[in-house]
Amino acid sequence: MAGYLVASVKWHDAEEATRYYHMVLDSLKPFDGRYLARGAPAFVLEGDETPARLAMIEFPTTDHANRWHQSDEYASARKVREEFAETYWIVVMEQLAR
């Protein structure tokens, strides 16, 4: 079943955000990851916190998402994100019957 990474990201440097995005695209390919949504603005239907930017990435499985996150292919981009952004990420597994 598919796994979905949902990321809330607050960038502190717009140029680094752009550089990160281009790095991430290449890192996703070996893990069959693809963006479903990314960017701003996002709006809140319920609750008190409005995220600065949101992204959703689909992987074939949650294991693919985890392996990508820990991979050498993503390591350089991860360093950029960790240095220039505050993030909250979750991975959820698709549970819908088809």
N, C-alpha and C. Protein backbone atom coordinates (compact mmCIF):
# COMPACT_ATOMS: atom_id res chain seq x y z
N MET A 1 0.83 -1.18 0.00
CA MET A 1 0.00 0.00 0.00
C MET A 1 0.87 1.24 0.00
N ALA A 2 0.40 2.27 -0.64
CA ALA A 2 1.16 3.52 -0.76
C ALA A 2 1.42 4.14 0.61
N GLY A 3 2.52 4.87 0.67
CA GLY A 3 2.86 5.66 1.84
C GLY A 3 2.95 7.12 1.44
N TYR A 4 2.47 7.99 2.29
CA TYR A 4 2.44 9.42 2.00
C TYR A 4 3.21 10.18 3.05
N LEU A 5 4.19 10.95 2.60
CA LEU A 5 4.91 11.83 3.49
C LEU A 5 4.21 13.19 3.45
N VAL A 6 3.84 13.69 4.62
CA VAL A 6 3.22 15.00 4.74
C VAL A 6 4.19 15.86 5.54
N ALA A 7 4.62 16.97 4.92
CA ALA A 7 5.64 17.81 5.54
C ALA A 7 5.13 19.24 5.70
N SER A 8 5.32 19.77 6.89
CA SER A 8 5.09 21.19 7.16
C SER A 8 6.47 21.81 7.30
N VAL A 9 6.75 22.85 6.49
CA VAL A 9 8.10 23.41 6.44
C VAL A 9 8.03 24.93 6.55
N LYS A 10 8.85 25.48 7.43
CA LYS A 10 9.00 26.93 7.55
C LYS A 10 10.45 27.26 7.18
N TRP A 11 10.63 27.80 5.98
CA TRP A 11 11.96 28.14 5.48
C TRP A 11 12.41 29.49 6.02
N HIS A 12 13.73 29.58 6.32
CA HIS A 12 14.32 30.84 6.78
C HIS A 12 15.12 31.52 5.67
N ASP A 13 15.23 30.87 4.51
CA ASP A 13 15.99 31.41 3.38
C ASP A 13 15.35 30.92 2.08
N ALA A 14 14.76 31.83 1.33
CA ALA A 14 14.03 31.46 0.11
C ALA A 14 14.94 30.83 -0.95
N GLU A 15 16.16 31.32 -1.07
CA GLU A 15 17.09 30.76 -2.06
C GLU A 15 17.43 29.31 -1.72
N GLU A 16 17.63 29.03 -0.46
CA GLU A 16 17.93 27.66 -0.03
C GLU A 16 16.72 26.75 -0.23
N ALA A 17 15.53 27.29 -0.06
CA ALA A 17 14.31 26.52 -0.30
C ALA A 17 14.25 26.08 -1.76
N THR A 18 14.56 26.98 -2.67
CA THR A 18 14.57 26.66 -4.10
C THR A 18 15.64 25.62 -4.41
N ARG A 19 16.82 25.80 -3.84
CA ARG A 19 17.91 24.83 -4.07
C ARG A 19 17.51 23.45 -3.54
N TYR A 20 16.91 23.42 -2.38
CA TYR A 20 16.46 22.16 -1.79
C TYR A 20 15.46 21.46 -2.70
N TYR A 21 14.49 22.19 -3.20
CA TYR A 21 13.47 21.59 -4.05
C TYR A 21 14.09 20.87 -5.24
N HIS A 22 15.04 21.50 -5.90
CA HIS A 22 15.68 20.88 -7.06
C HIS A 22 16.50 19.64 -6.66
N MET A 23 17.12 19.70 -5.49
CA MET A 23 17.87 18.55 -5.00
C MET A 23 16.93 17.38 -4.68
N VAL A 24 15.79 17.69 -4.09
CA VAL A 24 14.85 16.65 -3.68
C VAL A 24 14.30 15.90 -4.88
N LEU A 25 13.99 16.60 -5.95
CA LEU A 25 13.41 15.94 -7.13
C LEU A 25 14.28 14.78 -7.60
N ASP A 26 15.58 14.99 -7.71
CA ASP A 26 16.47 13.92 -8.14
C ASP A 26 16.55 12.80 -7.11
N SER A 27 16.51 13.15 -5.83
CA SER A 27 16.64 12.12 -4.79
C SER A 27 15.42 11.21 -4.70
N LEU A 28 14.26 11.68 -5.15
CA LEU A 28 13.04 10.89 -5.07
C LEU A 28 12.99 9.76 -6.10
N LYS A 29 13.61 9.97 -7.25
CA LYS A 29 13.49 9.04 -8.37
C LYS A 29 13.81 7.59 -8.02
N PRO A 30 14.93 7.30 -7.37
CA PRO A 30 15.24 5.89 -7.07
C PRO A 30 14.23 5.21 -6.12
N PHE A 31 13.42 6.01 -5.44
CA PHE A 31 12.47 5.48 -4.47
C PHE A 31 11.03 5.60 -4.97
N ASP A 32 10.89 5.95 -6.24
CA ASP A 32 9.57 6.10 -6.87
C ASP A 32 8.67 7.08 -6.13
N GLY A 33 9.27 8.13 -5.57
CA GLY A 33 8.50 9.16 -4.89
C GLY A 33 8.08 10.23 -5.87
N ARG A 34 6.89 10.80 -5.62
CA ARG A 34 6.42 11.89 -6.47
C ARG A 34 5.58 12.85 -5.65
N TYR A 35 5.78 14.14 -5.95
CA TYR A 35 4.99 15.16 -5.28
C TYR A 35 3.53 15.07 -5.70
N LEU A 36 2.63 15.14 -4.74
CA LEU A 36 1.20 15.29 -4.99
C LEU A 36 0.80 16.75 -4.82
N ALA A 37 1.46 17.42 -3.89
CA ALA A 37 1.20 18.84 -3.63
C ALA A 37 2.42 19.41 -2.94
N ARG A 38 2.65 20.70 -3.20
CA ARG A 38 3.71 21.39 -2.47
C ARG A 38 3.49 22.88 -2.58
N GLY A 39 3.90 23.59 -1.56
CA GLY A 39 3.89 25.03 -1.65
C GLY A 39 2.98 25.74 -0.69
N ALA A 40 2.71 26.96 -1.04
CA ALA A 40 1.89 27.85 -0.23
C ALA A 40 0.99 28.63 -1.17
N PRO A 41 -0.04 29.21 -0.77
CA PRO A 41 -0.49 29.23 0.62
C PRO A 41 -1.32 28.00 0.97
N ALA A 42 -1.33 27.70 2.22
CA ALA A 42 -2.23 26.67 2.76
C ALA A 42 -3.20 27.39 3.69
N PHE A 43 -4.38 26.86 3.84
CA PHE A 43 -5.31 27.48 4.77
C PHE A 43 -5.87 26.42 5.69
N VAL A 44 -6.26 26.85 6.85
CA VAL A 44 -6.72 25.97 7.91
C VAL A 44 -8.23 25.97 7.95
N LEU A 45 -8.81 24.77 7.95
CA LEU A 45 -10.26 24.64 8.11
C LEU A 45 -10.64 24.58 9.58
N GLU A 46 -9.79 23.94 10.39
CA GLU A 46 -10.01 23.84 11.83
C GLU A 46 -8.66 23.89 12.52
N GLY A 47 -8.64 24.44 13.72
CA GLY A 47 -7.41 24.49 14.49
C GLY A 47 -6.80 25.88 14.51
N ASP A 48 -5.67 26.00 15.21
CA ASP A 48 -5.07 27.30 15.46
C ASP A 48 -3.78 27.56 14.69
N GLU A 49 -3.17 26.54 14.12
CA GLU A 49 -1.86 26.73 13.51
C GLU A 49 -1.94 26.68 11.99
N THR A 50 -1.40 27.70 11.35
CA THR A 50 -1.34 27.74 9.89
C THR A 50 0.10 27.45 9.46
N PRO A 51 0.32 26.36 8.73
CA PRO A 51 1.68 26.05 8.30
C PRO A 51 2.14 27.04 7.22
N ALA A 52 3.44 27.30 7.20
CA ALA A 52 4.00 28.20 6.20
C ALA A 52 3.95 27.55 4.82
N ARG A 53 4.40 26.31 4.72
CA ARG A 53 4.38 25.55 3.47
C ARG A 53 4.06 24.10 3.80
N LEU A 54 3.35 23.47 2.91
CA LEU A 54 3.05 22.05 3.06
C LEU A 54 3.47 21.32 1.79
N ALA A 55 3.84 20.06 1.97
CA ALA A 55 4.13 19.20 0.83
C ALA A 55 3.59 17.82 1.12
N MET A 56 3.15 17.14 0.06
CA MET A 56 2.74 15.74 0.15
C MET A 56 3.47 14.98 -0.94
N ILE A 57 4.16 13.92 -0.53
CA ILE A 57 4.90 13.08 -1.47
C ILE A 57 4.38 11.66 -1.36
N GLU A 58 4.06 11.06 -2.49
CA GLU A 58 3.58 9.68 -2.52
C GLU A 58 4.73 8.74 -2.84
N PHE A 59 4.81 7.65 -2.09
CA PHE A 59 5.76 6.56 -2.32
C PHE A 59 4.97 5.27 -2.47
N PRO A 60 5.55 4.26 -3.12
CA PRO A 60 4.84 2.98 -3.25
C PRO A 60 4.47 2.35 -1.90
N THR A 61 5.34 2.55 -0.89
CA THR A 61 5.10 2.02 0.45
C THR A 61 5.70 2.97 1.48
N THR A 62 5.34 2.79 2.75
CA THR A 62 5.97 3.58 3.80
C THR A 62 7.45 3.23 3.93
N ASP A 63 7.81 1.99 3.61
CA ASP A 63 9.22 1.60 3.64
C ASP A 63 10.02 2.40 2.61
N HIS A 64 9.46 2.62 1.43
CA HIS A 64 10.13 3.46 0.43
C HIS A 64 10.38 4.86 0.99
N ALA A 65 9.38 5.42 1.66
CA ALA A 65 9.52 6.76 2.24
C ALA A 65 10.63 6.78 3.28
N ASN A 66 10.68 5.79 4.15
CA ASN A 66 11.70 5.73 5.19
C ASN A 66 13.09 5.53 4.59
N ARG A 67 13.21 4.64 3.60
CA ARG A 67 14.51 4.41 2.97
C ARG A 67 15.00 5.67 2.26
N TRP A 68 14.09 6.40 1.60
CA TRP A 68 14.46 7.66 0.95
C TRP A 68 14.99 8.65 2.00
N HIS A 69 14.26 8.80 3.10
CA HIS A 69 14.64 9.76 4.14
C HIS A 69 16.02 9.47 4.70
N GLN A 70 16.40 8.20 4.76
CA GLN A 70 17.70 7.79 5.30
C GLN A 70 18.78 7.63 4.23
N SER A 71 18.45 7.88 2.97
CA SER A 71 19.32 7.53 1.85
C SER A 71 20.46 8.50 1.62
N ASP A 72 21.49 7.98 0.94
CA ASP A 72 22.59 8.82 0.46
C ASP A 72 22.09 9.82 -0.58
N GLU A 73 21.10 9.42 -1.37
CA GLU A 73 20.56 10.29 -2.41
C GLU A 73 19.92 11.55 -1.82
N TYR A 74 19.36 11.43 -0.63
CA TYR A 74 18.69 12.56 0.01
C TYR A 74 19.59 13.30 0.99
N ALA A 75 20.72 12.76 1.36
CA ALA A 75 21.55 13.29 2.44
C ALA A 75 21.93 14.76 2.26
N SER A 76 22.34 15.16 1.07
CA SER A 76 22.75 16.55 0.85
C SER A 76 21.57 17.50 0.99
N ALA A 77 20.44 17.12 0.43
CA ALA A 77 19.25 17.96 0.54
C ALA A 77 18.79 18.03 1.99
N ARG A 78 18.89 16.93 2.68
CA ARG A 78 18.47 16.89 4.09
C ARG A 78 19.28 17.88 4.93
N LYS A 79 20.58 17.96 4.65
CA LYS A 79 21.43 18.92 5.38
C LYS A 79 20.97 20.35 5.15
N VAL A 80 20.61 20.67 3.90
CA VAL A 80 20.11 22.01 3.58
C VAL A 80 18.83 22.29 4.36
N ARG A 81 17.90 21.35 4.33
CA ARG A 81 16.64 21.53 5.05
C ARG A 81 16.86 21.68 6.55
N GLU A 82 17.70 20.86 7.11
CA GLU A 82 17.94 20.92 8.55
C GLU A 82 18.60 22.24 8.97
N GLU A 83 19.40 22.82 8.08
CA GLU A 83 20.07 24.07 8.41
C GLU A 83 19.18 25.30 8.22
N PHE A 84 18.31 25.28 7.20
CA PHE A 84 17.59 26.48 6.81
C PHE A 84 16.08 26.43 7.02
N ALA A 85 15.58 25.38 7.68
CA ALA A 85 14.12 25.28 7.85
C ALA A 85 13.77 24.60 9.17
N GLU A 86 12.56 24.89 9.62
CA GLU A 86 11.94 24.17 10.73
C GLU A 86 10.89 23.26 10.09
N THR A 87 10.87 22.00 10.49
CA THR A 87 9.97 21.07 9.83
C THR A 87 9.25 20.17 10.82
N TYR A 88 8.11 19.68 10.37
CA TYR A 88 7.35 18.64 11.05
C TYR A 88 6.90 17.69 9.96
N TRP A 89 7.35 16.46 10.01
CA TRP A 89 7.04 15.47 8.97
C TRP A 89 6.36 14.26 9.58
N ILE A 90 5.41 13.73 8.84
CA ILE A 90 4.79 12.45 9.21
C ILE A 90 4.68 11.60 7.95
N VAL A 91 4.62 10.30 8.15
CA VAL A 91 4.36 9.36 7.06
C VAL A 91 3.13 8.57 7.45
N VAL A 92 2.22 8.46 6.51
CA VAL A 92 0.98 7.73 6.76
C VAL A 92 0.81 6.70 5.66
N MET A 93 0.26 5.55 6.02
CA MET A 93 0.05 4.47 5.05
C MET A 93 -1.40 4.51 4.57
N GLU A 94 -1.55 4.32 3.29
CA GLU A 94 -2.88 4.24 2.71
C GLU A 94 -3.59 3.01 3.28
N GLN A 95 -4.82 3.18 3.71
CA GLN A 95 -5.59 2.09 4.30
C GLN A 95 -6.91 1.86 3.59
N LEU A 96 -7.13 2.57 2.51
CA LEU A 96 -8.42 2.47 1.82
C LEU A 96 -8.51 1.18 1.00
N ALA A 97 -9.64 0.55 1.03
CA ALA A 97 -9.87 -0.60 0.16
C ALA A 97 -10.16 -0.09 -1.24
N ARG A 98 -9.58 -0.76 -2.20
CA ARG A 98 -9.79 -0.32 -3.58
C ARG A 98 -10.70 -1.25 -4.30
